[in-house]
Amino acid sequence: MTDPTPLDITNIPELRHLVEEMRASKQPRLLKQDRESVALLMPLGDLFTQPPTSKEDIWTDYDAGKVRTALAQSAGILAGVNRESLLTDIRNQRTQESTHRQF
């Protein structure tokens, strides 16, 4: 993603009001035009004031034996589930918007 282009909202009262509400609630706002989602307004908080976090090694506690055991234990867990029904349900869920989703 490229750096976003700044937009000065000093003289746009509607946007300023929306930003004030978003800051107070500390929750993102999904902006829509008609029924189409067009933008996401998110509070920045300390995003630009925090020093970058140290690069940690995500593989430090990786244990291949535990992974194999977990995979073996999960084998057959969906036996008896209607595959087409499950896939249809998953597809339907992916197309729904959620107003409660945390971004």
N, C-alpha and C. Protein backbone atom coordinates (compact mmCIF):
# COMPACT_ATOMS: atom_id res chain seq x y z
N MET A 1 0.84 -1.18 0.00
CA MET A 1 0.00 0.00 0.00
C MET A 1 0.87 1.23 0.00
N THR A 2 0.54 2.20 -0.81
CA THR A 2 1.30 3.44 -0.84
C THR A 2 0.84 4.35 0.28
N ASP A 3 1.61 5.36 0.56
CA ASP A 3 1.23 6.32 1.59
C ASP A 3 -0.05 7.03 1.16
N PRO A 4 -1.02 7.15 2.09
CA PRO A 4 -2.27 7.82 1.73
C PRO A 4 -2.05 9.31 1.49
N THR A 5 -2.83 9.87 0.59
CA THR A 5 -2.77 11.30 0.31
C THR A 5 -3.55 12.04 1.39
N PRO A 6 -2.92 13.00 2.08
CA PRO A 6 -3.63 13.74 3.13
C PRO A 6 -4.79 14.55 2.56
N LEU A 7 -5.85 14.65 3.35
CA LEU A 7 -7.01 15.44 2.98
C LEU A 7 -7.33 16.34 4.17
N ASP A 8 -7.18 17.65 4.00
CA ASP A 8 -7.44 18.59 5.08
C ASP A 8 -8.94 18.77 5.24
N ILE A 9 -9.46 18.40 6.43
CA ILE A 9 -10.91 18.50 6.66
C ILE A 9 -11.26 19.69 7.54
N THR A 10 -10.32 20.60 7.71
CA THR A 10 -10.55 21.77 8.56
C THR A 10 -11.82 22.51 8.19
N ASN A 11 -12.09 22.64 6.91
CA ASN A 11 -13.25 23.41 6.45
C ASN A 11 -14.40 22.52 5.97
N ILE A 12 -14.44 21.26 6.46
CA ILE A 12 -15.52 20.35 6.11
C ILE A 12 -16.19 19.91 7.41
N PRO A 13 -17.16 20.67 7.92
CA PRO A 13 -17.74 20.41 9.23
C PRO A 13 -18.31 19.00 9.39
N GLU A 14 -18.94 18.46 8.35
CA GLU A 14 -19.52 17.12 8.47
C GLU A 14 -18.45 16.08 8.75
N LEU A 15 -17.35 16.16 8.05
CA LEU A 15 -16.26 15.21 8.27
C LEU A 15 -15.60 15.43 9.63
N ARG A 16 -15.43 16.67 10.03
CA ARG A 16 -14.85 16.96 11.34
C ARG A 16 -15.71 16.35 12.45
N HIS A 17 -17.03 16.47 12.32
CA HIS A 17 -17.95 15.91 13.31
C HIS A 17 -17.82 14.39 13.35
N LEU A 18 -17.76 13.77 12.18
CA LEU A 18 -17.61 12.32 12.10
C LEU A 18 -16.30 11.86 12.74
N VAL A 19 -15.24 12.59 12.50
CA VAL A 19 -13.93 12.25 13.09
C VAL A 19 -13.98 12.40 14.60
N GLU A 20 -14.64 13.45 15.10
CA GLU A 20 -14.76 13.63 16.54
C GLU A 20 -15.51 12.45 17.18
N GLU A 21 -16.59 12.02 16.54
CA GLU A 21 -17.35 10.87 17.05
C GLU A 21 -16.49 9.61 17.05
N MET A 22 -15.75 9.41 15.96
CA MET A 22 -14.91 8.23 15.83
C MET A 22 -13.81 8.24 16.88
N ARG A 23 -13.20 9.38 17.11
CA ARG A 23 -12.15 9.48 18.14
C ARG A 23 -12.70 9.19 19.53
N ALA A 24 -13.88 9.73 19.82
CA ALA A 24 -14.49 9.55 21.14
C ALA A 24 -14.81 8.07 21.39
N SER A 25 -15.31 7.39 20.37
CA SER A 25 -15.68 5.98 20.54
C SER A 25 -14.49 5.05 20.37
N LYS A 26 -13.42 5.55 19.76
CA LYS A 26 -12.22 4.75 19.47
C LYS A 26 -12.56 3.53 18.62
N GLN A 27 -13.59 3.66 17.78
CA GLN A 27 -14.03 2.58 16.90
C GLN A 27 -13.97 3.07 15.45
N PRO A 28 -13.56 2.21 14.52
CA PRO A 28 -13.54 2.59 13.11
C PRO A 28 -14.95 2.79 12.57
N ARG A 29 -15.05 3.53 11.50
CA ARG A 29 -16.33 3.77 10.83
C ARG A 29 -16.19 3.33 9.38
N LEU A 30 -17.16 2.53 8.93
CA LEU A 30 -17.20 2.09 7.55
C LEU A 30 -18.06 3.08 6.79
N LEU A 31 -17.47 3.74 5.80
CA LEU A 31 -18.19 4.75 5.04
C LEU A 31 -18.83 4.09 3.81
N LYS A 32 -20.11 4.41 3.61
CA LYS A 32 -20.85 3.82 2.51
C LYS A 32 -21.45 4.90 1.63
N GLN A 33 -21.56 4.58 0.37
CA GLN A 33 -22.25 5.43 -0.59
C GLN A 33 -23.33 4.55 -1.19
N ASP A 34 -24.58 4.94 -0.96
CA ASP A 34 -25.71 4.08 -1.26
C ASP A 34 -25.51 2.81 -0.42
N ARG A 35 -25.35 1.66 -1.04
CA ARG A 35 -25.14 0.42 -0.26
C ARG A 35 -23.72 -0.11 -0.41
N GLU A 36 -22.87 0.65 -1.09
CA GLU A 36 -21.51 0.20 -1.35
C GLU A 36 -20.54 0.75 -0.30
N SER A 37 -19.74 -0.13 0.28
CA SER A 37 -18.68 0.30 1.20
C SER A 37 -17.58 0.95 0.37
N VAL A 38 -17.20 2.18 0.73
CA VAL A 38 -16.23 2.91 -0.08
C VAL A 38 -14.95 3.27 0.66
N ALA A 39 -15.00 3.33 1.99
CA ALA A 39 -13.79 3.72 2.73
C ALA A 39 -13.93 3.28 4.19
N LEU A 40 -12.79 3.22 4.84
CA LEU A 40 -12.76 2.89 6.26
C LEU A 40 -12.04 4.01 6.98
N LEU A 41 -12.72 4.60 7.97
CA LEU A 41 -12.15 5.67 8.77
C LEU A 41 -11.73 5.06 10.10
N MET A 42 -10.42 5.13 10.40
CA MET A 42 -9.91 4.47 11.61
C MET A 42 -9.17 5.46 12.48
N PRO A 43 -9.34 5.34 13.81
CA PRO A 43 -8.57 6.20 14.71
C PRO A 43 -7.09 5.80 14.66
N LEU A 44 -6.22 6.79 14.62
CA LEU A 44 -4.79 6.49 14.54
C LEU A 44 -4.18 6.27 15.91
N GLY A 45 -4.73 6.90 16.92
CA GLY A 45 -4.18 6.73 18.27
C GLY A 45 -2.71 7.07 18.29
N ASP A 46 -1.90 6.16 18.81
CA ASP A 46 -0.45 6.38 18.91
C ASP A 46 0.30 5.74 17.75
N LEU A 47 -0.39 5.47 16.67
CA LEU A 47 0.21 4.76 15.54
C LEU A 47 1.51 5.41 15.06
N PHE A 48 1.51 6.73 14.96
CA PHE A 48 2.68 7.41 14.41
C PHE A 48 3.67 7.87 15.48
N THR A 49 3.33 7.69 16.76
CA THR A 49 4.22 8.15 17.81
C THR A 49 4.98 7.00 18.46
N GLN A 50 4.57 5.77 18.24
CA GLN A 50 5.25 4.64 18.84
C GLN A 50 6.47 4.25 18.01
N PRO A 51 7.55 3.91 18.69
CA PRO A 51 8.71 3.43 17.93
C PRO A 51 8.38 2.07 17.33
N PRO A 52 9.00 1.74 16.23
CA PRO A 52 8.73 0.44 15.62
C PRO A 52 9.06 -0.69 16.59
N THR A 53 8.22 -1.72 16.59
CA THR A 53 8.46 -2.85 17.47
C THR A 53 9.64 -3.67 16.97
N SER A 54 10.30 -4.33 17.90
CA SER A 54 11.44 -5.14 17.51
C SER A 54 10.95 -6.33 16.68
N LYS A 55 11.76 -6.75 15.79
CA LYS A 55 11.42 -7.87 14.91
C LYS A 55 11.62 -9.17 15.69
N GLU A 56 10.48 -9.81 16.07
CA GLU A 56 10.61 -11.05 16.82
C GLU A 56 10.52 -12.24 15.87
N ASP A 57 11.15 -13.30 16.26
CA ASP A 57 11.15 -14.51 15.44
C ASP A 57 9.88 -15.31 15.75
N ILE A 58 8.95 -15.38 14.78
CA ILE A 58 7.69 -16.07 15.01
C ILE A 58 7.86 -17.58 15.11
N TRP A 59 9.02 -18.08 14.74
CA TRP A 59 9.26 -19.53 14.76
C TRP A 59 9.97 -19.98 16.04
N THR A 60 10.19 -19.09 16.98
CA THR A 60 10.93 -19.43 18.20
C THR A 60 10.37 -20.64 18.91
N ASP A 61 9.06 -20.68 19.12
CA ASP A 61 8.45 -21.78 19.88
C ASP A 61 7.80 -22.84 18.98
N TYR A 62 8.13 -22.82 17.71
CA TYR A 62 7.54 -23.79 16.78
C TYR A 62 8.02 -25.19 17.11
N ASP A 63 7.07 -26.11 17.17
CA ASP A 63 7.40 -27.50 17.46
C ASP A 63 6.69 -28.36 16.41
N ALA A 64 7.45 -28.86 15.46
CA ALA A 64 6.89 -29.65 14.36
C ALA A 64 6.14 -30.88 14.88
N GLY A 65 6.62 -31.49 15.95
CA GLY A 65 5.96 -32.67 16.52
C GLY A 65 4.57 -32.33 17.04
N LYS A 66 4.42 -31.17 17.70
CA LYS A 66 3.11 -30.74 18.19
C LYS A 66 2.15 -30.45 17.03
N VAL A 67 2.69 -29.90 15.97
CA VAL A 67 1.86 -29.62 14.79
C VAL A 67 1.36 -30.92 14.19
N ARG A 68 2.25 -31.89 14.02
CA ARG A 68 1.85 -33.19 13.47
C ARG A 68 0.79 -33.85 14.36
N THR A 69 0.97 -33.78 15.68
CA THR A 69 0.02 -34.37 16.62
C THR A 69 -1.35 -33.69 16.50
N ALA A 70 -1.34 -32.37 16.44
CA ALA A 70 -2.61 -31.63 16.32
C ALA A 70 -3.31 -31.97 15.01
N LEU A 71 -2.55 -32.08 13.93
CA LEU A 71 -3.15 -32.44 12.64
C LEU A 71 -3.72 -33.85 12.68
N ALA A 72 -3.00 -34.77 13.30
CA ALA A 72 -3.49 -36.15 13.40
C ALA A 72 -4.76 -36.20 14.24
N GLN A 73 -4.82 -35.42 15.32
CA GLN A 73 -6.01 -35.41 16.18
C GLN A 73 -7.22 -34.80 15.46
N SER A 74 -6.98 -33.88 14.54
CA SER A 74 -8.11 -33.24 13.85
C SER A 74 -8.59 -34.03 12.64
N ALA A 75 -7.86 -35.06 12.26
CA ALA A 75 -8.25 -35.86 11.10
C ALA A 75 -9.63 -36.46 11.31
N GLY A 76 -10.50 -36.29 10.33
CA GLY A 76 -11.84 -36.87 10.38
C GLY A 76 -12.84 -36.08 11.19
N ILE A 77 -12.45 -34.92 11.68
CA ILE A 77 -13.34 -34.15 12.55
C ILE A 77 -14.61 -33.69 11.82
N LEU A 78 -14.54 -33.56 10.50
CA LEU A 78 -15.71 -33.14 9.73
C LEU A 78 -16.43 -34.31 9.06
N ALA A 79 -16.08 -35.52 9.47
CA ALA A 79 -16.76 -36.69 8.91
C ALA A 79 -18.25 -36.59 9.21
N GLY A 80 -19.07 -36.86 8.23
CA GLY A 80 -20.52 -36.80 8.42
C GLY A 80 -21.11 -35.43 8.14
N VAL A 81 -20.27 -34.43 7.90
CA VAL A 81 -20.77 -33.09 7.58
C VAL A 81 -21.03 -33.03 6.07
N ASN A 82 -22.16 -32.47 5.69
CA ASN A 82 -22.49 -32.31 4.28
C ASN A 82 -21.55 -31.26 3.68
N ARG A 83 -20.64 -31.71 2.82
CA ARG A 83 -19.61 -30.83 2.26
C ARG A 83 -20.20 -29.65 1.50
N GLU A 84 -21.16 -29.90 0.63
CA GLU A 84 -21.75 -28.83 -0.18
C GLU A 84 -22.46 -27.80 0.70
N SER A 85 -23.17 -28.29 1.71
CA SER A 85 -23.86 -27.39 2.63
C SER A 85 -22.86 -26.52 3.40
N LEU A 86 -21.76 -27.13 3.85
CA LEU A 86 -20.72 -26.39 4.57
C LEU A 86 -20.11 -25.31 3.67
N LEU A 87 -19.75 -25.69 2.44
CA LEU A 87 -19.15 -24.72 1.53
C LEU A 87 -20.11 -23.59 1.18
N THR A 88 -21.39 -23.92 1.02
CA THR A 88 -22.40 -22.88 0.75
C THR A 88 -22.50 -21.93 1.93
N ASP A 89 -22.54 -22.47 3.14
CA ASP A 89 -22.60 -21.63 4.34
C ASP A 89 -21.39 -20.70 4.44
N ILE A 90 -20.21 -21.23 4.17
CA ILE A 90 -18.99 -20.42 4.23
C ILE A 90 -19.03 -19.31 3.19
N ARG A 91 -19.43 -19.65 1.96
CA ARG A 91 -19.55 -18.63 0.90
C ARG A 91 -20.53 -17.54 1.30
N ASN A 92 -21.67 -17.93 1.85
CA ASN A 92 -22.68 -16.95 2.27
C ASN A 92 -22.16 -16.05 3.37
N GLN A 93 -21.44 -16.60 4.31
CA GLN A 93 -20.89 -15.79 5.40
C GLN A 93 -19.86 -14.79 4.89
N ARG A 94 -19.09 -15.19 3.91
CA ARG A 94 -18.06 -14.28 3.37
C ARG A 94 -18.65 -13.10 2.62
N THR A 95 -19.86 -13.23 2.14
CA THR A 95 -20.48 -12.13 1.40
C THR A 95 -21.27 -11.20 2.29
N GLN A 96 -21.46 -11.54 3.56
CA GLN A 96 -22.22 -10.70 4.47
C GLN A 96 -21.32 -9.66 5.11
N GLU A 97 -21.88 -8.48 5.33
CA GLU A 97 -21.14 -7.46 6.06
C GLU A 97 -21.57 -7.53 7.51
N SER A 98 -20.65 -7.22 8.38
CA SER A 98 -20.96 -7.24 9.81
C SER A 98 -20.71 -5.87 10.40
N THR A 99 -21.71 -5.34 11.07
CA THR A 99 -21.52 -4.04 11.71
C THR A 99 -20.80 -4.20 13.04
N HIS A 100 -20.63 -5.45 13.50
CA HIS A 100 -19.98 -5.69 14.77
C HIS A 100 -18.54 -6.14 14.62
N ARG A 101 -18.07 -6.25 13.38
CA ARG A 101 -16.71 -6.73 13.14
C ARG A 101 -15.70 -5.70 13.62
N GLN A 102 -14.70 -6.15 14.36
CA GLN A 102 -13.63 -5.27 14.81
C GLN A 102 -12.55 -5.24 13.75
N PHE A 103 -12.13 -4.06 13.35
CA PHE A 103 -11.08 -3.92 12.34
C PHE A 103 -9.78 -3.62 12.97
